[in-house]
Amino acid sequence: MGSDTRACPHCGEPMETVVENYRYDGSGLENVVLSNIKVRRCAKDAEVIAVIPRIEELHRVLAKAVASKQTKLTPPEIKFLRKYLGWSGATFADWIGVDRSTVSRWESGDQPMGQQAERLLRVFALAVKPEEQYEAVAKVTNQTGAPTVLRVHQESSGGWAAEAVG
């Protein structure tokens, strides 16, 4: 694959590019294998670099699969979903409503995640587009307010749109 030749970042030698299955340990999840992707290999120092296109889409697909599974989340899955959402451990604790040390114990496997917290994490992972939602939800306070008056209309596409009035 002449046009796809890259130099090894360690030794500078040309790397061979092959298409193969690649175990994606970089996700933090166990047993994720990417099928038929380009992998660059250096014969001199055994450097291996996977070429992963559209990585944000890949992580969305992984997050949906993990959040939709029928069994309890494992500690690596909890950590993956937190990172997918773009949350630090402290931010995650604030959003879920637990102490920061609790998040650490969930992710290390020292304490099982409770059913309500796990359901909430799954809902966040399935419903939230991380890059679009942070600011809006971060502004939510504990103060009681008046009910929101909404004006709802059907759009030309057939979907619905709502806007707060007043």
C-alpha atoms as a PDB file:
ATOM      1  CA  MET A   1       0.000   0.000   0.000  1.00  0.00           C
ATOM      2  CA  GLY A   2       2.521   2.543  -1.212  1.00  0.00           C
ATOM      3  CA  SER A   3       0.498   5.717  -0.710  1.00  0.00           C
ATOM      4  CA  ASP A   4      -0.314   4.701   2.873  1.00  0.00           C
ATOM      5  CA  THR A   5       3.289   4.220   4.029  1.00  0.00           C
ATOM      6  CA  ARG A   6       4.126   5.944   7.305  1.00  0.00           C
ATOM      7  CA  ALA A   7       7.336   6.122   9.270  1.00  0.00           C
ATOM      8  CA  CYS A   8       7.485   4.452  12.646  1.00  0.00           C
ATOM      9  CA  PRO A   9       7.352   7.149  15.360  1.00  0.00           C
ATOM     10  CA  HIS A  10      10.062   5.337  17.350  1.00  0.00           C
ATOM     11  CA  CYS A  11      12.657   4.245  14.816  1.00  0.00           C
ATOM     12  CA  GLY A  12      11.694   6.119  11.631  1.00  0.00           C
ATOM     13  CA  GLU A  13      11.540   2.942   9.521  1.00  0.00           C
ATOM     14  CA  PRO A  14       8.631   2.486   7.101  1.00  0.00           C
ATOM     15  CA  MET A  15       5.601   0.734   8.589  1.00  0.00           C
ATOM     16  CA  GLU A  16       3.662  -1.907   6.679  1.00  0.00           C
ATOM     17  CA  THR A  17      -0.103  -1.288   6.514  1.00  0.00           C
ATOM     18  CA  VAL A  18      -2.374  -4.334   6.629  1.00  0.00           C
ATOM     19  CA  VAL A  19      -6.119  -4.792   7.035  1.00  0.00           C
ATOM     20  CA  GLU A  20      -6.962  -7.054   9.954  1.00  0.00           C
ATOM     21  CA  ASN A  21      -8.990  -7.464  13.112  1.00  0.00           C
ATOM     22  CA  TYR A  22      -7.654  -5.363  15.985  1.00  0.00           C
ATOM     23  CA  ARG A  23      -8.270  -5.723  19.722  1.00  0.00           C
ATOM     24  CA  TYR A  24      -9.205  -2.192  20.823  1.00  0.00           C
ATOM     25  CA  ASP A  25      -7.848  -1.998  24.371  1.00  0.00           C
ATOM     26  CA  GLY A  26      -7.742   1.808  24.126  1.00  0.00           C
ATOM     27  CA  SER A  27     -11.479   1.948  24.824  1.00  0.00           C
ATOM     28  CA  GLY A  28     -10.919   0.617  28.327  1.00  0.00           C
ATOM     29  CA  LEU A  29     -13.484  -2.085  27.629  1.00  0.00           C
ATOM     30  CA  GLU A  30     -12.649  -5.764  27.685  1.00  0.00           C
ATOM     31  CA  ASN A  31     -12.846  -7.803  24.487  1.00  0.00           C
ATOM     32  CA  VAL A  32     -13.656  -5.126  21.887  1.00  0.00           C
ATOM     33  CA  VAL A  33     -12.404  -6.225  18.476  1.00  0.00           C
ATOM     34  CA  LEU A  34     -12.557  -3.893  15.470  1.00  0.00           C
ATOM     35  CA  SER A  35     -12.996  -5.908  12.290  1.00  0.00           C
ATOM     36  CA  ASN A  36     -11.129  -5.197   9.069  1.00  0.00           C
ATOM     37  CA  ILE A  37      -9.363  -1.954   9.922  1.00  0.00           C
ATOM     38  CA  LYS A  38      -5.982  -0.670   8.781  1.00  0.00           C
ATOM     39  CA  VAL A  39      -3.176  -1.501  11.171  1.00  0.00           C
ATOM     40  CA  ARG A  40       0.367  -0.195  10.703  1.00  0.00           C
ATOM     41  CA  ARG A  41       3.206  -2.427  11.901  1.00  0.00           C
ATOM     42  CA  CYS A  42       6.916  -1.761  12.207  1.00  0.00           C
ATOM     43  CA  ALA A  43       9.081  -4.816  11.578  1.00  0.00           C
ATOM     44  CA  LYS A  44      12.071  -3.299  13.368  1.00  0.00           C
ATOM     45  CA  ASP A  45      10.641  -2.436  16.795  1.00  0.00           C
ATOM     46  CA  ALA A  46       7.192  -4.151  16.746  1.00  0.00           C
ATOM     47  CA  GLU A  47       5.305  -0.824  17.007  1.00  0.00           C
ATOM     48  CA  VAL A  48       1.612  -1.263  16.138  1.00  0.00           C
ATOM     49  CA  ILE A  49      -0.721   1.635  15.285  1.00  0.00           C
ATOM     50  CA  ALA A  50      -4.409   1.108  14.463  1.00  0.00           C
ATOM     51  CA  VAL A  51      -6.045   3.530  12.039  1.00  0.00           C
ATOM     52  CA  ILE A  52      -9.482   4.137  13.548  1.00  0.00           C
ATOM     53  CA  PRO A  53     -11.738   6.319  11.385  1.00  0.00           C
ATOM     54  CA  ARG A  54     -14.666   8.270  12.911  1.00  0.00           C
ATOM     55  CA  ILE A  55     -13.692   7.422  16.484  1.00  0.00           C
ATOM     56  CA  GLU A  56     -16.508   9.537  17.993  1.00  0.00           C
ATOM     57  CA  GLU A  57     -19.047   7.427  16.084  1.00  0.00           C
ATOM     58  CA  LEU A  58     -17.284   4.259  17.238  1.00  0.00           C
ATOM     59  CA  HIS A  59     -17.544   5.378  20.863  1.00  0.00           C
ATOM     60  CA  ARG A  60     -21.247   6.222  20.409  1.00  0.00           C
ATOM     61  CA  VAL A  61     -21.864   2.708  19.070  1.00  0.00           C
ATOM     62  CA  LEU A  62     -19.919   1.153  21.948  1.00  0.00           C
ATOM     63  CA  ALA A  63     -21.752   3.302  24.526  1.00  0.00           C
ATOM     64  CA  LYS A  64     -25.152   2.320  23.108  1.00  0.00           C
ATOM     65  CA  ALA A  65     -24.211  -1.373  23.145  1.00  0.00           C
ATOM     66  CA  VAL A  66     -22.898  -1.201  26.723  1.00  0.00           C
ATOM     67  CA  ALA A  67     -25.831   0.850  28.053  1.00  0.00           C
ATOM     68  CA  SER A  68     -28.340  -1.486  26.373  1.00  0.00           C
ATOM     69  CA  LYS A  69     -26.987  -4.754  27.737  1.00  0.00           C
ATOM     70  CA  GLN A  70     -29.296  -6.811  29.947  1.00  0.00           C
ATOM     71  CA  THR A  71     -26.850  -7.570  32.767  1.00  0.00           C
ATOM     72  CA  LYS A  72     -25.212  -5.333  35.367  1.00  0.00           C
ATOM     73  CA  LEU A  73     -22.466  -3.010  34.198  1.00  0.00           C
ATOM     74  CA  THR A  74     -18.912  -4.068  34.994  1.00  0.00           C
ATOM     75  CA  PRO A  75     -16.454  -1.593  36.545  1.00  0.00           C
ATOM     76  CA  PRO A  76     -14.688  -1.001  33.172  1.00  0.00           C
ATOM     77  CA  GLU A  77     -18.085  -0.394  31.532  1.00  0.00           C
ATOM     78  CA  ILE A  78     -19.038   2.156  34.195  1.00  0.00           C
ATOM     79  CA  LYS A  79     -15.743   3.963  33.623  1.00  0.00           C
ATOM     80  CA  PHE A  80     -16.156   3.824  29.831  1.00  0.00           C
ATOM     81  CA  LEU A  81     -19.657   5.349  29.971  1.00  0.00           C
ATOM     82  CA  ARG A  82     -18.446   8.085  32.344  1.00  0.00           C
ATOM     83  CA  LYS A  83     -15.592   8.943  30.005  1.00  0.00           C
ATOM     84  CA  TYR A  84     -17.879   8.720  26.962  1.00  0.00           C
ATOM     85  CA  LEU A  85     -20.059  11.368  28.597  1.00  0.00           C
ATOM     86  CA  GLY A  86     -16.948  13.499  29.124  1.00  0.00           C
ATOM     87  CA  TRP A  87     -17.227  13.542  32.888  1.00  0.00           C
ATOM     88  CA  SER A  88     -14.449  13.521  35.446  1.00  0.00           C
ATOM     89  CA  GLY A  89     -15.047  11.316  38.476  1.00  0.00           C
ATOM     90  CA  ALA A  90     -16.054  14.393  40.478  1.00  0.00           C
ATOM     91  CA  THR A  91     -18.492  15.626  37.829  1.00  0.00           C
ATOM     92  CA  PHE A  92     -19.986  12.148  37.505  1.00  0.00           C
ATOM     93  CA  ALA A  93     -20.478  12.005  41.283  1.00  0.00           C
ATOM     94  CA  ASP A  94     -22.249  15.381  41.217  1.00  0.00           C
ATOM     95  CA  TRP A  95     -24.555  14.326  38.374  1.00  0.00           C
ATOM     96  CA  ILE A  96     -25.465  10.982  39.942  1.00  0.00           C
ATOM     97  CA  GLY A  97     -25.733  12.477  43.438  1.00  0.00           C
ATOM     98  CA  VAL A  98     -23.110  10.433  45.278  1.00  0.00           C
ATOM     99  CA  ASP A  99     -19.822  11.067  47.024  1.00  0.00           C
ATOM    100  CA  ARG A 100     -16.729  11.170  44.784  1.00  0.00           C
ATOM    101  CA  SER A 101     -15.174   8.225  46.584  1.00  0.00           C
ATOM    102  CA  THR A 102     -18.236   6.139  45.671  1.00  0.00           C
ATOM    103  CA  VAL A 103     -17.497   6.589  41.964  1.00  0.00           C
ATOM    104  CA  SER A 104     -13.934   5.431  42.560  1.00  0.00           C
ATOM    105  CA  ARG A 105     -15.194   2.311  44.364  1.00  0.00           C
ATOM    106  CA  TRP A 106     -17.664   1.545  41.521  1.00  0.00           C
ATOM    107  CA  GLU A 107     -14.925   1.832  38.896  1.00  0.00           C
ATOM    108  CA  SER A 108     -12.410  -0.229  40.871  1.00  0.00           C
ATOM    109  CA  GLY A 109     -14.953  -2.933  41.650  1.00  0.00           C
ATOM    110  CA  ASP A 110     -14.691  -2.397  45.402  1.00  0.00           C
ATOM    111  CA  GLN A 111     -18.418  -1.555  45.627  1.00  0.00           C
ATOM    112  CA  PRO A 112     -21.256  -2.544  43.296  1.00  0.00           C
ATOM    113  CA  MET A 113     -23.150   0.305  41.647  1.00  0.00           C
ATOM    114  CA  GLY A 114     -26.714   0.587  42.924  1.00  0.00           C
ATOM    115  CA  GLN A 115     -29.599  -0.141  40.579  1.00  0.00           C
ATOM    116  CA  GLN A 116     -30.913   3.442  40.488  1.00  0.00           C
ATOM    117  CA  ALA A 117     -27.499   4.973  39.799  1.00  0.00           C
ATOM    118  CA  GLU A 118     -26.837   2.387  37.100  1.00  0.00           C
ATOM    119  CA  ARG A 119     -30.161   3.086  35.402  1.00  0.00           C
ATOM    120  CA  LEU A 120     -29.453   6.809  35.494  1.00  0.00           C
ATOM    121  CA  LEU A 121     -26.003   6.306  33.943  1.00  0.00           C
ATOM    122  CA  ARG A 122     -27.537   4.161  31.199  1.00  0.00           C
ATOM    123  CA  VAL A 123     -30.180   6.794  30.453  1.00  0.00           C
ATOM    124  CA  PHE A 124     -27.521   9.500  30.229  1.00  0.00           C
ATOM    125  CA  ALA A 125     -25.423   7.363  27.874  1.00  0.00           C
ATOM    126  CA  LEU A 126     -28.380   6.519  25.631  1.00  0.00           C
ATOM    127  CA  ALA A 127     -30.123   9.889  25.571  1.00  0.00           C
ATOM    128  CA  VAL A 128     -27.447  12.545  25.870  1.00  0.00           C
ATOM    129  CA  LYS A 129     -25.260  13.784  23.068  1.00  0.00           C
ATOM    130  CA  PRO A 130     -22.356  14.637  25.353  1.00  0.00           C
ATOM    131  CA  GLU A 131     -20.877  17.500  23.386  1.00  0.00           C
ATOM    132  CA  GLU A 132     -24.246  19.308  23.131  1.00  0.00           C
ATOM    133  CA  GLN A 133     -25.728  18.972  26.615  1.00  0.00           C
ATOM    134  CA  TYR A 134     -23.147  19.963  29.218  1.00  0.00           C
ATOM    135  CA  GLU A 135     -23.915  23.653  29.586  1.00  0.00           C
ATOM    136  CA  ALA A 136     -27.700  23.313  29.680  1.00  0.00           C
ATOM    137  CA  VAL A 137     -27.820  20.658  32.382  1.00  0.00           C
ATOM    138  CA  ALA A 138     -24.963  22.131  34.394  1.00  0.00           C
ATOM    139  CA  LYS A 139     -27.157  25.170  35.103  1.00  0.00           C
ATOM    140  CA  VAL A 140     -29.850  23.119  36.881  1.00  0.00           C
ATOM    141  CA  THR A 141     -30.159  24.143  40.537  1.00  0.00           C
ATOM    142  CA  ASN A 142     -31.965  22.750  43.577  1.00  0.00           C
ATOM    143  CA  GLN A 143     -34.220  25.821  43.761  1.00  0.00           C
ATOM    144  CA  THR A 144     -37.945  25.315  43.316  1.00  0.00           C
ATOM    145  CA  GLY A 145     -39.422  27.296  40.441  1.00  0.00           C
ATOM    146  CA  ALA A 146     -42.733  27.904  38.726  1.00  0.00           C
ATOM    147  CA  PRO A 147     -43.871  25.380  36.133  1.00  0.00           C
ATOM    148  CA  THR A 148     -42.521  26.102  32.679  1.00  0.00           C
ATOM    149  CA  VAL A 149     -45.050  27.205  30.079  1.00  0.00           C
ATOM    150  CA  LEU A 150     -44.233  25.570  26.760  1.00  0.00           C
ATOM    151  CA  ARG A 151     -45.364  26.426  23.250  1.00  0.00           C
ATOM    152  CA  VAL A 152     -45.227  23.252  21.170  1.00  0.00           C
ATOM    153  CA  HIS A 153     -45.612  23.102  17.402  1.00  0.00           C
ATOM    154  CA  GLN A 154     -45.221  20.579  14.646  1.00  0.00           C
ATOM    155  CA  GLU A 155     -42.352  21.298  12.277  1.00  0.00           C
ATOM    156  CA  SER A 156     -42.487  20.952   8.500  1.00  0.00           C
ATOM    157  CA  SER A 157     -40.458  17.740   8.843  1.00  0.00           C
ATOM    158  CA  GLY A 158     -43.298  16.255  10.886  1.00  0.00           C
ATOM    159  CA  GLY A 159     -41.337  16.365  14.151  1.00  0.00           C
ATOM    160  CA  TRP A 160     -42.218  18.373  17.224  1.00  0.00           C
ATOM    161  CA  ALA A 161     -40.477  21.413  18.672  1.00  0.00           C
ATOM    162  CA  ALA A 162     -41.016  23.136  22.022  1.00  0.00           C
ATOM    163  CA  GLU A 163     -39.990  26.530  23.306  1.00  0.00           C
ATOM    164  CA  ALA A 164     -40.346  27.999  26.777  1.00  0.00           C
ATOM    165  CA  VAL A 165     -42.672  31.003  26.936  1.00  0.00           C
ATOM    166  CA  GLY A 166     -42.059  33.816  29.384  1.00  0.00           C
END
